[in-house]
C-alpha atoms as a PDB file:
ATOM      1  CA  MET A   1     -82.881 -58.100 100.020  1.00  0.00           C
ATOM      2  CA  ALA A   2     -85.890 -57.842  97.700  1.00  0.00           C
ATOM      3  CA  GLU A   3     -85.873 -60.501  95.095  1.00  0.00           C
ATOM      4  CA  LYS A   4     -86.731 -58.564  92.033  1.00  0.00           C
ATOM      5  CA  TYR A   5     -85.859 -54.861  91.364  1.00  0.00           C
ATOM      6  CA  THR A   6     -87.330 -53.053  88.142  1.00  0.00           C
ATOM      7  CA  ILE A   7     -87.295 -49.682  87.087  1.00  0.00           C
ATOM      8  CA  THR A   8     -90.758 -48.373  86.003  1.00  0.00           C
ATOM      9  CA  GLY A   9     -92.409 -45.308  84.763  1.00  0.00           C
ATOM     10  CA  HIS A  10     -93.376 -44.857  88.600  1.00  0.00           C
ATOM     11  CA  THR A  11     -89.344 -45.178  89.709  1.00  0.00           C
ATOM     12  CA  LYS A  12     -88.169 -41.904  91.625  1.00  0.00           C
ATOM     13  CA  VAL A  13     -84.767 -40.392  91.449  1.00  0.00           C
ATOM     14  CA  PHE A  14     -81.846 -39.597  93.941  1.00  0.00           C
ATOM     15  CA  CYS A  15     -78.429 -38.304  92.876  1.00  0.00           C
ATOM     16  CA  ILE A  16     -75.204 -36.841  93.552  1.00  0.00           C
ATOM     17  CA  ILE A  17     -73.855 -33.617  91.737  1.00  0.00           C
ATOM     18  CA  GLY A  18     -70.236 -32.901  91.508  1.00  0.00           C
ATOM     19  CA  HIS A  19     -67.187 -32.206  89.033  1.00  0.00           C
ATOM     20  CA  PRO A  20     -65.932 -34.756  88.500  1.00  0.00           C
ATOM     21  CA  VAL A  21     -68.037 -37.521  90.184  1.00  0.00           C
ATOM     22  CA  GLU A  22     -67.029 -40.387  88.444  1.00  0.00           C
ATOM     23  CA  HIS A  23     -65.312 -41.485  91.598  1.00  0.00           C
ATOM     24  CA  SER A  24     -68.222 -41.618  93.820  1.00  0.00           C
ATOM     25  CA  MET A  25     -69.275 -44.330  96.079  1.00  0.00           C
ATOM     26  CA  SER A  26     -72.657 -43.045  96.635  1.00  0.00           C
ATOM     27  CA  PRO A  27     -74.412 -44.853  93.847  1.00  0.00           C
ATOM     28  CA  THR A  28     -72.640 -47.984  95.132  1.00  0.00           C
ATOM     29  CA  MET A  29     -73.842 -47.936  98.760  1.00  0.00           C
ATOM     30  CA  TRP A  30     -77.319 -46.219  98.138  1.00  0.00           C
ATOM     31  CA  ASN A  31     -78.846 -48.538  95.578  1.00  0.00           C
ATOM     32  CA  PRO A  32     -78.496 -51.903  97.445  1.00  0.00           C
ATOM     33  CA  ALA A  33     -79.968 -49.722 100.774  1.00  0.00           C
ATOM     34  CA  LEU A  34     -83.040 -48.410  98.756  1.00  0.00           C
ATOM     35  CA  GLN A  35     -83.592 -52.224  97.100  1.00  0.00           C
ATOM     36  CA  GLU A  36     -83.496 -53.794 100.351  1.00  0.00           C
ATOM     37  CA  LEU A  37     -86.356 -51.624 101.540  1.00  0.00           C
ATOM     38  CA  GLY A  38     -88.308 -52.189  98.762  1.00  0.00           C
ATOM     39  CA  LEU A  39     -87.959 -48.267  97.766  1.00  0.00           C
ATOM     40  CA  ASP A  40     -88.805 -47.293  94.126  1.00  0.00           C
ATOM     41  CA  TYR A  41     -86.017 -45.092  93.645  1.00  0.00           C
ATOM     42  CA  VAL A  42     -82.691 -45.055  91.753  1.00  0.00           C
ATOM     43  CA  TYR A  43     -79.507 -43.119  92.786  1.00  0.00           C
ATOM     44  CA  VAL A  44     -77.468 -41.923  89.870  1.00  0.00           C
ATOM     45  CA  ALA A  45     -74.272 -39.651  89.441  1.00  0.00           C
ATOM     46  CA  TYR A  46     -74.389 -36.258  87.601  1.00  0.00           C
ATOM     47  CA  ASP A  47     -71.183 -34.767  86.495  1.00  0.00           C
ATOM     48  CA  VAL A  48     -72.177 -30.824  86.560  1.00  0.00           C
ATOM     49  CA  HIS A  49     -69.527 -28.164  85.462  1.00  0.00           C
ATOM     50  CA  PRO A  50     -69.528 -25.100  87.807  1.00  0.00           C
ATOM     51  CA  ASP A  51     -70.956 -23.217  84.534  1.00  0.00           C
ATOM     52  CA  ASN A  52     -74.074 -25.298  84.629  1.00  0.00           C
ATOM     53  CA  LEU A  53     -75.008 -25.522  88.339  1.00  0.00           C
ATOM     54  CA  GLU A  54     -77.782 -23.212  88.169  1.00  0.00           C
ATOM     55  CA  LYS A  55     -79.291 -25.054  85.553  1.00  0.00           C
ATOM     56  CA  ALA A  56     -78.683 -28.168  87.078  1.00  0.00           C
ATOM     57  CA  VAL A  57     -80.405 -26.934  90.179  1.00  0.00           C
ATOM     58  CA  GLU A  58     -83.599 -25.971  87.973  1.00  0.00           C
ATOM     59  CA  ALA A  59     -83.727 -29.429  86.728  1.00  0.00           C
ATOM     60  CA  ILE A  60     -83.698 -30.855  90.043  1.00  0.00           C
ATOM     61  CA  ARG A  61     -87.102 -29.133  90.169  1.00  0.00           C
ATOM     62  CA  VAL A  62     -88.273 -29.770  86.911  1.00  0.00           C
ATOM     63  CA  PHE A  63     -87.436 -33.492  86.861  1.00  0.00           C
ATOM     64  CA  GLY A  64     -88.822 -33.918  90.501  1.00  0.00           C
ATOM     65  CA  ILE A  65     -85.401 -35.309  91.609  1.00  0.00           C
ATOM     66  CA  ARG A  66     -86.558 -36.134  95.370  1.00  0.00           C
ATOM     67  CA  GLY A  67     -82.984 -35.757  96.773  1.00  0.00           C
ATOM     68  CA  ALA A  68     -79.560 -34.553  95.716  1.00  0.00           C
ATOM     69  CA  ASN A  69     -76.134 -35.197  97.618  1.00  0.00           C
ATOM     70  CA  VAL A  70     -73.824 -32.362  96.663  1.00  0.00           C
ATOM     71  CA  THR A  71     -69.824 -32.707  96.274  1.00  0.00           C
ATOM     72  CA  ILE A  72     -66.993 -30.717  95.209  1.00  0.00           C
ATOM     73  CA  PRO A  73     -66.644 -27.938  94.183  1.00  0.00           C
ATOM     74  CA  HIS A  74     -70.505 -27.069  94.617  1.00  0.00           C
ATOM     75  CA  LYS A  75     -71.037 -27.362  98.253  1.00  0.00           C
ATOM     76  CA  ASN A  76     -70.942 -23.446  98.677  1.00  0.00           C
ATOM     77  CA  PRO A  77     -71.767 -21.876  95.085  1.00  0.00           C
ATOM     78  CA  ILE A  78     -75.278 -24.044  95.135  1.00  0.00           C
ATOM     79  CA  MET A  79     -76.367 -22.252  98.098  1.00  0.00           C
ATOM     80  CA  LYS A  80     -77.508 -19.296  96.082  1.00  0.00           C
ATOM     81  CA  PHE A  81     -80.026 -21.232  94.312  1.00  0.00           C
ATOM     82  CA  LEU A  82     -81.888 -23.008  97.041  1.00  0.00           C
ATOM     83  CA  ASP A  83     -85.032 -22.046  98.827  1.00  0.00           C
ATOM     84  CA  GLU A  84     -84.480 -22.737 102.605  1.00  0.00           C
ATOM     85  CA  ILE A  85     -80.906 -23.880 104.231  1.00  0.00           C
ATOM     86  CA  ASP A  86     -80.408 -25.177 108.058  1.00  0.00           C
ATOM     87  CA  PRO A  87     -79.083 -22.714 109.914  1.00  0.00           C
ATOM     88  CA  ILE A  88     -75.742 -24.305 111.053  1.00  0.00           C
ATOM     89  CA  ALA A  89     -75.277 -25.052 107.428  1.00  0.00           C
ATOM     90  CA  GLU A  90     -75.664 -21.699 106.608  1.00  0.00           C
ATOM     91  CA  LYS A  91     -72.920 -20.579 109.144  1.00  0.00           C
ATOM     92  CA  MET A  92     -70.792 -23.209 107.833  1.00  0.00           C
ATOM     93  CA  GLY A  93     -70.997 -21.915 104.197  1.00  0.00           C
ATOM     94  CA  ALA A  94     -71.232 -25.373 102.764  1.00  0.00           C
ATOM     95  CA  ILE A  95     -74.413 -27.769 102.282  1.00  0.00           C
ATOM     96  CA  ASN A  96     -73.937 -31.437 101.082  1.00  0.00           C
ATOM     97  CA  THR A  97     -77.600 -32.454 100.969  1.00  0.00           C
ATOM     98  CA  VAL A  98     -80.742 -30.992  98.883  1.00  0.00           C
ATOM     99  CA  LYS A  99     -84.458 -32.411  99.652  1.00  0.00           C
ATOM    100  CA  ASN A 100     -86.734 -31.551  97.096  1.00  0.00           C
ATOM    101  CA  GLU A 101     -90.552 -30.981  98.268  1.00  0.00           C
ATOM    102  CA  ASP A 102     -92.413 -30.341  95.407  1.00  0.00           C
ATOM    103  CA  GLY A 103     -90.157 -27.866  93.893  1.00  0.00           C
ATOM    104  CA  TYR A 104     -89.168 -26.303  97.159  1.00  0.00           C
ATOM    105  CA  LEU A 105     -85.565 -27.124  97.886  1.00  0.00           C
ATOM    106  CA  LYS A 106     -84.312 -27.479 101.468  1.00  0.00           C
ATOM    107  CA  ALA A 107     -80.841 -27.856 102.128  1.00  0.00           C
ATOM    108  CA  THR A 108     -78.428 -29.027 105.023  1.00  0.00           C
ATOM    109  CA  ASN A 109     -75.209 -30.615 105.750  1.00  0.00           C
ATOM    110  CA  THR A 110     -74.581 -34.218 106.699  1.00  0.00           C
ATOM    111  CA  ASP A 111     -70.670 -34.037 106.660  1.00  0.00           C
ATOM    112  CA  ALA A 112     -70.079 -32.562 110.099  1.00  0.00           C
ATOM    113  CA  PRO A 113     -72.785 -34.818 111.890  1.00  0.00           C
ATOM    114  CA  GLY A 114     -71.615 -37.800 109.846  1.00  0.00           C
ATOM    115  CA  ALA A 115     -67.933 -37.121 111.425  1.00  0.00           C
ATOM    116  CA  LYS A 116     -69.394 -36.946 114.826  1.00  0.00           C
ATOM    117  CA  LYS A 117     -71.203 -39.813 114.921  1.00  0.00           C
ATOM    118  CA  SER A 118     -68.014 -41.963 113.519  1.00  0.00           C
ATOM    119  CA  PHE A 119     -66.197 -40.599 116.436  1.00  0.00           C
ATOM    120  CA  ILE A 120     -68.629 -41.437 118.805  1.00  0.00           C
ATOM    121  CA  ASP A 121     -68.903 -44.801 117.572  1.00  0.00           C
ATOM    122  CA  ALA A 122     -65.134 -45.237 118.024  1.00  0.00           C
ATOM    123  CA  GLY A 123     -65.329 -43.928 121.365  1.00  0.00           C
ATOM    124  CA  CYS A 124     -63.474 -40.787 121.125  1.00  0.00           C
ATOM    125  CA  SER A 125     -64.888 -37.701 122.999  1.00  0.00           C
ATOM    126  CA  ILE A 126     -64.387 -34.270 121.335  1.00  0.00           C
ATOM    127  CA  GLU A 127     -65.216 -32.560 124.647  1.00  0.00           C
ATOM    128  CA  GLY A 128     -62.296 -30.613 126.086  1.00  0.00           C
ATOM    129  CA  LYS A 129     -59.793 -31.903 123.370  1.00  0.00           C
ATOM    130  CA  SER A 130     -57.394 -29.956 121.231  1.00  0.00           C
ATOM    131  CA  ILE A 131     -57.746 -30.481 117.714  1.00  0.00           C
ATOM    132  CA  LEU A 132     -55.542 -29.995 114.608  1.00  0.00           C
ATOM    133  CA  PHE A 133     -56.784 -30.203 110.798  1.00  0.00           C
ATOM    134  CA  LEU A 134     -54.475 -30.619 108.353  1.00  0.00           C
ATOM    135  CA  GLY A 135     -56.445 -28.609 105.301  1.00  0.00           C
ATOM    136  CA  SER A 136     -58.981 -25.616 105.480  1.00  0.00           C
ATOM    137  CA  GLY A 137     -61.399 -26.613 102.649  1.00  0.00           C
ATOM    138  CA  GLY A 138     -64.776 -27.698 102.649  1.00  0.00           C
ATOM    139  CA  ALA A 139     -64.620 -30.758 104.780  1.00  0.00           C
ATOM    140  CA  ALA A 140     -62.398 -29.207 107.528  1.00  0.00           C
ATOM    141  CA  ARG A 141     -64.550 -26.092 107.499  1.00  0.00           C
ATOM    142  CA  SER A 142     -67.752 -27.853 108.095  1.00  0.00           C
ATOM    143  CA  ILE A 143     -66.339 -30.057 110.780  1.00  0.00           C
ATOM    144  CA  ALA A 144     -64.631 -27.302 112.546  1.00  0.00           C
ATOM    145  CA  TYR A 145     -68.054 -25.545 112.996  1.00  0.00           C
ATOM    146  CA  LEU A 146     -69.627 -28.601 114.459  1.00  0.00           C
ATOM    147  CA  PHE A 147     -66.782 -29.963 116.576  1.00  0.00           C
ATOM    148  CA  SER A 148     -66.018 -26.298 118.029  1.00  0.00           C
ATOM    149  CA  GLU A 149     -69.150 -26.427 119.950  1.00  0.00           C
ATOM    150  CA  GLU A 150     -67.399 -29.020 122.354  1.00  0.00           C
ATOM    151  CA  ALA A 151     -63.481 -28.794 121.697  1.00  0.00           C
ATOM    152  CA  LYS A 152     -60.859 -26.844 123.860  1.00  0.00           C
ATOM    153  CA  LYS A 153     -59.170 -25.621 120.984  1.00  0.00           C
ATOM    154  CA  ILE A 154     -58.966 -25.961 117.153  1.00  0.00           C
ATOM    155  CA  VAL A 155     -56.034 -25.086 114.466  1.00  0.00           C
ATOM    156  CA  LEU A 156     -56.808 -25.166 111.046  1.00  0.00           C
ATOM    157  CA  THR A 157     -53.777 -25.345 108.857  1.00  0.00           C
ATOM    158  CA  ASP A 158     -53.198 -24.946 105.257  1.00  0.00           C
ATOM    159  CA  ILE A 159     -50.520 -24.294 102.535  1.00  0.00           C
ATOM    160  CA  ILE A 160     -52.362 -21.028 102.109  1.00  0.00           C
ATOM    161  CA  GLU A 161     -51.804 -19.467 105.638  1.00  0.00           C
ATOM    162  CA  GLU A 162     -54.774 -16.543 104.771  1.00  0.00           C
ATOM    163  CA  ARG A 163     -57.102 -19.289 103.848  1.00  0.00           C
ATOM    164  CA  ALA A 164     -57.205 -20.997 107.042  1.00  0.00           C
ATOM    165  CA  VAL A 165     -56.892 -17.575 109.013  1.00  0.00           C
ATOM    166  CA  ILE A 166     -60.363 -16.309 106.965  1.00  0.00           C
ATOM    167  CA  ILE A 167     -62.078 -19.865 107.586  1.00  0.00           C
ATOM    168  CA  ALA A 168     -60.967 -19.664 111.484  1.00  0.00           C
ATOM    169  CA  ASN A 169     -61.803 -16.115 112.123  1.00  0.00           C
ATOM    170  CA  GLU A 170     -65.295 -16.665 110.686  1.00  0.00           C
ATOM    171  CA  ILE A 171     -65.846 -19.789 112.943  1.00  0.00           C
ATOM    172  CA  LYS A 172     -64.900 -17.816 116.025  1.00  0.00           C
ATOM    173  CA  LYS A 173     -66.872 -15.051 115.245  1.00  0.00           C
ATOM    174  CA  ASN A 174     -70.096 -17.069 114.314  1.00  0.00           C
ATOM    175  CA  MET A 175     -69.582 -19.842 117.001  1.00  0.00           C
ATOM    176  CA  ASP A 176     -67.576 -18.038 119.720  1.00  0.00           C
ATOM    177  CA  ALA A 177     -64.940 -20.592 119.412  1.00  0.00           C
ATOM    178  CA  HIS A 178     -60.904 -21.019 120.374  1.00  0.00           C
ATOM    179  CA  ILE A 179     -59.913 -21.357 117.080  1.00  0.00           C
ATOM    180  CA  GLU A 180     -57.158 -20.140 114.841  1.00  0.00           C
ATOM    181  CA  GLY A 181     -55.452 -20.532 111.533  1.00  0.00           C
ATOM    182  CA  LYS A 182     -51.872 -21.469 110.725  1.00  0.00           C
ATOM    183  CA  ILE A 183     -49.555 -22.043 107.686  1.00  0.00           C
ATOM    184  CA  ALA A 184     -49.039 -25.800 107.162  1.00  0.00           C
ATOM    185  CA  ASN A 185     -45.175 -25.876 107.158  1.00  0.00           C
ATOM    186  CA  GLU A 186     -43.344 -28.553 108.873  1.00  0.00           C
ATOM    187  CA  LYS A 187     -41.980 -26.266 111.647  1.00  0.00           C
ATOM    188  CA  ASN A 188     -45.949 -25.008 112.555  1.00  0.00           C
ATOM    189  CA  ILE A 189     -47.014 -28.897 112.667  1.00  0.00           C
ATOM    190  CA  ALA A 190     -44.195 -30.030 114.314  1.00  0.00           C
ATOM    191  CA  ASN A 191     -44.537 -27.453 117.251  1.00  0.00           C
ATOM    192  CA  LEU A 192     -48.815 -27.667 116.986  1.00  0.00           C
ATOM    193  CA  ILE A 193     -49.048 -31.469 117.072  1.00  0.00           C
ATOM    194  CA  LYS A 194     -47.185 -31.538 120.436  1.00  0.00           C
ATOM    195  CA  GLN A 195     -50.262 -30.291 122.225  1.00  0.00           C
ATOM    196  CA  THR A 196     -52.870 -31.723 119.818  1.00  0.00           C
ATOM    197  CA  ASP A 197     -55.137 -34.631 121.016  1.00  0.00           C
ATOM    198  CA  ILE A 198     -56.696 -35.391 117.839  1.00  0.00           C
ATOM    199  CA  LEU A 199     -55.654 -35.077 114.343  1.00  0.00           C
ATOM    200  CA  ILE A 200     -57.706 -34.962 111.436  1.00  0.00           C
ATOM    201  CA  ASN A 201     -56.588 -35.003 107.611  1.00  0.00           C
ATOM    202  CA  ALA A 202     -58.849 -33.153 105.518  1.00  0.00           C
ATOM    203  CA  THR A 203     -56.871 -33.018 102.602  1.00  0.00           C
ATOM    204  CA  PRO A 204     -56.685 -35.092  99.492  1.00  0.00           C
ATOM    205  CA  ILE A 205     -53.098 -36.201 100.066  1.00  0.00           C
ATOM    206  CA  GLY A 206     -52.646 -40.276 100.153  1.00  0.00           C
ATOM    207  CA  MET A 207     -55.975 -40.854  98.193  1.00  0.00           C
ATOM    208  CA  TYR A 208     -56.000 -43.162  95.535  1.00  0.00           C
ATOM    209  CA  PRO A 209     -54.224 -43.502  93.475  1.00  0.00           C
ATOM    210  CA  ASN A 210     -51.404 -41.623  95.154  1.00  0.00           C
ATOM    211  CA  ILE A 211     -51.469 -44.413  98.115  1.00  0.00           C
ATOM    212  CA  ASP A 212     -47.874 -43.788  98.895  1.00  0.00           C
ATOM    213  CA  LEU A 213     -48.147 -39.949 100.127  1.00  0.00           C
ATOM    214  CA  THR A 214     -48.815 -38.651 103.421  1.00  0.00           C
ATOM    215  CA  PRO A 215     -49.566 -34.958 104.620  1.00  0.00           C
ATOM    216  CA  ILE A 216     -47.637 -35.470 107.694  1.00  0.00           C
ATOM    217  CA  SER A 217     -43.900 -37.008 108.462  1.00  0.00           C
ATOM    218  CA  LYS A 218     -44.239 -40.048 110.653  1.00  0.00           C
ATOM    219  CA  ASP A 219     -41.542 -39.071 113.017  1.00  0.00           C
ATOM    220  CA  LEU A 220     -44.067 -35.760 114.212  1.00  0.00           C
ATOM    221  CA  LEU A 221     -46.697 -38.430 115.193  1.00  0.00           C
ATOM    222  CA  HIS A 222     -46.801 -39.345 118.820  1.00  0.00           C
ATOM    223  CA  ASP A 223     -48.905 -42.383 120.525  1.00  0.00           C
ATOM    224  CA  GLU A 224     -51.549 -40.028 122.326  1.00  0.00           C
ATOM    225  CA  LEU A 225     -52.682 -38.659 119.304  1.00  0.00           C
ATOM    226  CA  PHE A 226     -56.095 -40.207 117.559  1.00  0.00           C
ATOM    227  CA  VAL A 227     -55.816 -39.671 113.947  1.00  0.00           C
ATOM    228  CA  PHE A 228     -58.772 -39.263 111.644  1.00  0.00           C
ATOM    229  CA  ASP A 229     -58.287 -39.186 107.638  1.00  0.00           C
ATOM    230  CA  VAL A 230     -61.349 -38.221 105.880  1.00  0.00           C
ATOM    231  CA  ILE A 231     -60.222 -40.128 102.895  1.00  0.00           C
ATOM    232  CA  TYR A 232     -61.907 -43.621 102.264  1.00  0.00           C
ATOM    233  CA  ASN A 233     -59.962 -44.923  99.316  1.00  0.00           C
ATOM    234  CA  PRO A 234     -57.734 -46.356 100.254  1.00  0.00           C
ATOM    235  CA  MET A 235     -59.361 -47.397 103.765  1.00  0.00           C
ATOM    236  CA  GLU A 236     -56.104 -47.351 105.261  1.00  0.00           C
ATOM    237  CA  THR A 237     -54.065 -44.447 104.493  1.00  0.00           C
ATOM    238  CA  LYS A 238     -50.293 -44.457 104.522  1.00  0.00           C
ATOM    239  CA  LEU A 239     -51.080 -41.688 107.114  1.00  0.00           C
ATOM    240  CA  MET A 240     -53.172 -44.107 109.119  1.00  0.00           C
ATOM    241  CA  LYS A 241     -50.609 -46.899 108.865  1.00  0.00           C
ATOM    242  CA  ASP A 242     -47.734 -44.655 109.904  1.00  0.00           C
ATOM    243  CA  ALA A 243     -50.238 -43.618 112.911  1.00  0.00           C
ATOM    244  CA  ALA A 244     -51.026 -47.091 114.036  1.00  0.00           C
ATOM    245  CA  GLU A 245     -47.256 -47.891 114.072  1.00  0.00           C
ATOM    246  CA  VAL A 246     -46.500 -45.341 116.155  1.00  0.00           C
ATOM    247  CA  GLY A 247     -49.280 -46.595 118.584  1.00  0.00           C
ATOM    248  CA  CYS A 248     -52.202 -44.366 117.744  1.00  0.00           C
ATOM    249  CA  GLU A 249     -56.014 -44.698 117.527  1.00  0.00           C
ATOM    250  CA  THR A 250     -57.211 -44.316 114.044  1.00  0.00           C
ATOM    251  CA  LEU A 251     -60.490 -43.925 112.207  1.00  0.00           C
ATOM    252  CA  SER A 252     -60.986 -44.053 108.392  1.00  0.00           C
ATOM    253  CA  GLY A 253     -63.165 -41.788 106.359  1.00  0.00           C
ATOM    254  CA  LEU A 254     -65.401 -44.615 105.082  1.00  0.00           C
ATOM    255  CA  ASP A 255     -67.099 -44.297 108.528  1.00  0.00           C
ATOM    256  CA  MET A 256     -67.715 -40.664 107.887  1.00  0.00           C
ATOM    257  CA  LEU A 257     -69.030 -41.437 104.368  1.00  0.00           C
ATOM    258  CA  ILE A 258     -71.503 -43.977 105.351  1.00  0.00           C
ATOM    259  CA  ASN A 259     -72.583 -42.217 108.427  1.00  0.00           C
ATOM    260  CA  GLN A 260     -73.285 -38.987 106.309  1.00  0.00           C
ATOM    261  CA  GLY A 261     -74.951 -40.890 103.527  1.00  0.00           C
ATOM    262  CA  VAL A 262     -77.343 -42.634 106.603  1.00  0.00           C
ATOM    263  CA  ILE A 263     -78.193 -39.276 107.932  1.00  0.00           C
ATOM    264  CA  ALA A 264     -79.020 -38.125 104.435  1.00  0.00           C
ATOM    265  CA  PHE A 265     -81.183 -41.239 103.580  1.00  0.00           C
ATOM    266  CA  GLU A 266     -82.910 -40.948 106.573  1.00  0.00           C
ATOM    267  CA  TRP A 267     -84.356 -37.368 105.616  1.00  0.00           C
ATOM    268  CA  PHE A 268     -85.067 -38.226 101.841  1.00  0.00           C
ATOM    269  CA  THR A 269     -87.072 -41.215 102.680  1.00  0.00           C
ATOM    270  CA  GLY A 270     -87.997 -41.543 106.538  1.00  0.00           C
ATOM    271  CA  LYS A 271     -86.310 -44.862 106.722  1.00  0.00           C
ATOM    272  CA  THR A 272     -83.269 -46.233 108.546  1.00  0.00           C
ATOM    273  CA  PRO A 273     -80.977 -47.752 105.905  1.00  0.00           C
ATOM    274  CA  ASN A 274     -78.794 -51.077 106.339  1.00  0.00           C
ATOM    275  CA  SER A 275     -75.620 -49.339 107.132  1.00  0.00           C
ATOM    276  CA  LYS A 276     -73.648 -52.615 107.307  1.00  0.00           C
ATOM    277  CA  LEU A 277     -74.838 -53.381 103.818  1.00  0.00           C
ATOM    278  CA  MET A 278     -73.936 -49.854 102.519  1.00  0.00           C
ATOM    279  CA  LYS A 279     -70.299 -50.465 103.958  1.00  0.00           C
ATOM    280  CA  ASN A 280     -69.906 -53.847 102.941  1.00  0.00           C
ATOM    281  CA  LYS A 281     -70.859 -52.693  99.052  1.00  0.00           C
ATOM    282  CA  ILE A 282     -68.032 -50.303  99.270  1.00  0.00           C
ATOM    283  CA  ILE A 283     -65.656 -52.600 100.695  1.00  0.00           C
ATOM    284  CA  GLU A 284     -66.785 -55.186  97.812  1.00  0.00           C
ATOM    285  CA  PHE A 285     -66.337 -52.841  95.087  1.00  0.00           C
ATOM    286  CA  LEU A 286     -62.984 -51.063  96.244  1.00  0.00           C
ATOM    287  CA  GLY A 287     -61.864 -54.589  96.899  1.00  0.00           C
ATOM    288  CA  ILE A 288     -60.846 -53.879 100.490  1.00  0.00           C
ATOM    289  CA  LYS A 289     -59.457 -57.043 102.316  1.00  0.00           C
END
């Protein structure tokens, strides 16, 4: 770690934009990693109301902000204000990372690659597996796009069936994938989960402070499932606790958060950050034992 860190007139800025954004762990993990490498940057969070999104994008150019991470609800709406988008992210219909090259804004999506690396690190292969998503929002959409390249079958579920069906049909068309959308009711989930290898919770159900909630009844889980929860606070959700008690292997959203951050960090700086430091800083901040 650098002995001294001083912000000067030369210091450059990275940021995250969202609404709300106060809960973001990105500044907590980025700043120590930047400091350890002796890079003259600071990472800050900006709460940007959707009505001000276009102005915020222009501000990235005007203020010379070198890179921006993008979170809910801007991952799709921001795309029309950017100059270049990675082809896969274009298909996904969502970006989460913007790089400013002298006012020219390039974008990509590191969520899905971050999730995939987490699966690889956990020793869980996606190839030939049947995957059931709870939720069909931005996280589910981006992960489903990438995982559809290897998965045997994917089912997106949502409390609004039309939303799941529309996204599934889009992915099927763009990726030539075996994917369908279903309504997320207990009867459907109970039937689908019997043939499921990987269960992914891409809803906010169980997120702090509602840590006693779970998106699926424990008695529907079976011990051959691999359960991934995109939530990272708490690090072990009720779903994950229930799954572990049933005998499932589990994976926390914290790993995805770190991995997507590392990918963005490397793209912005050309340097590889200390991922263990980033993870430990979040654990320390959240008070996870």
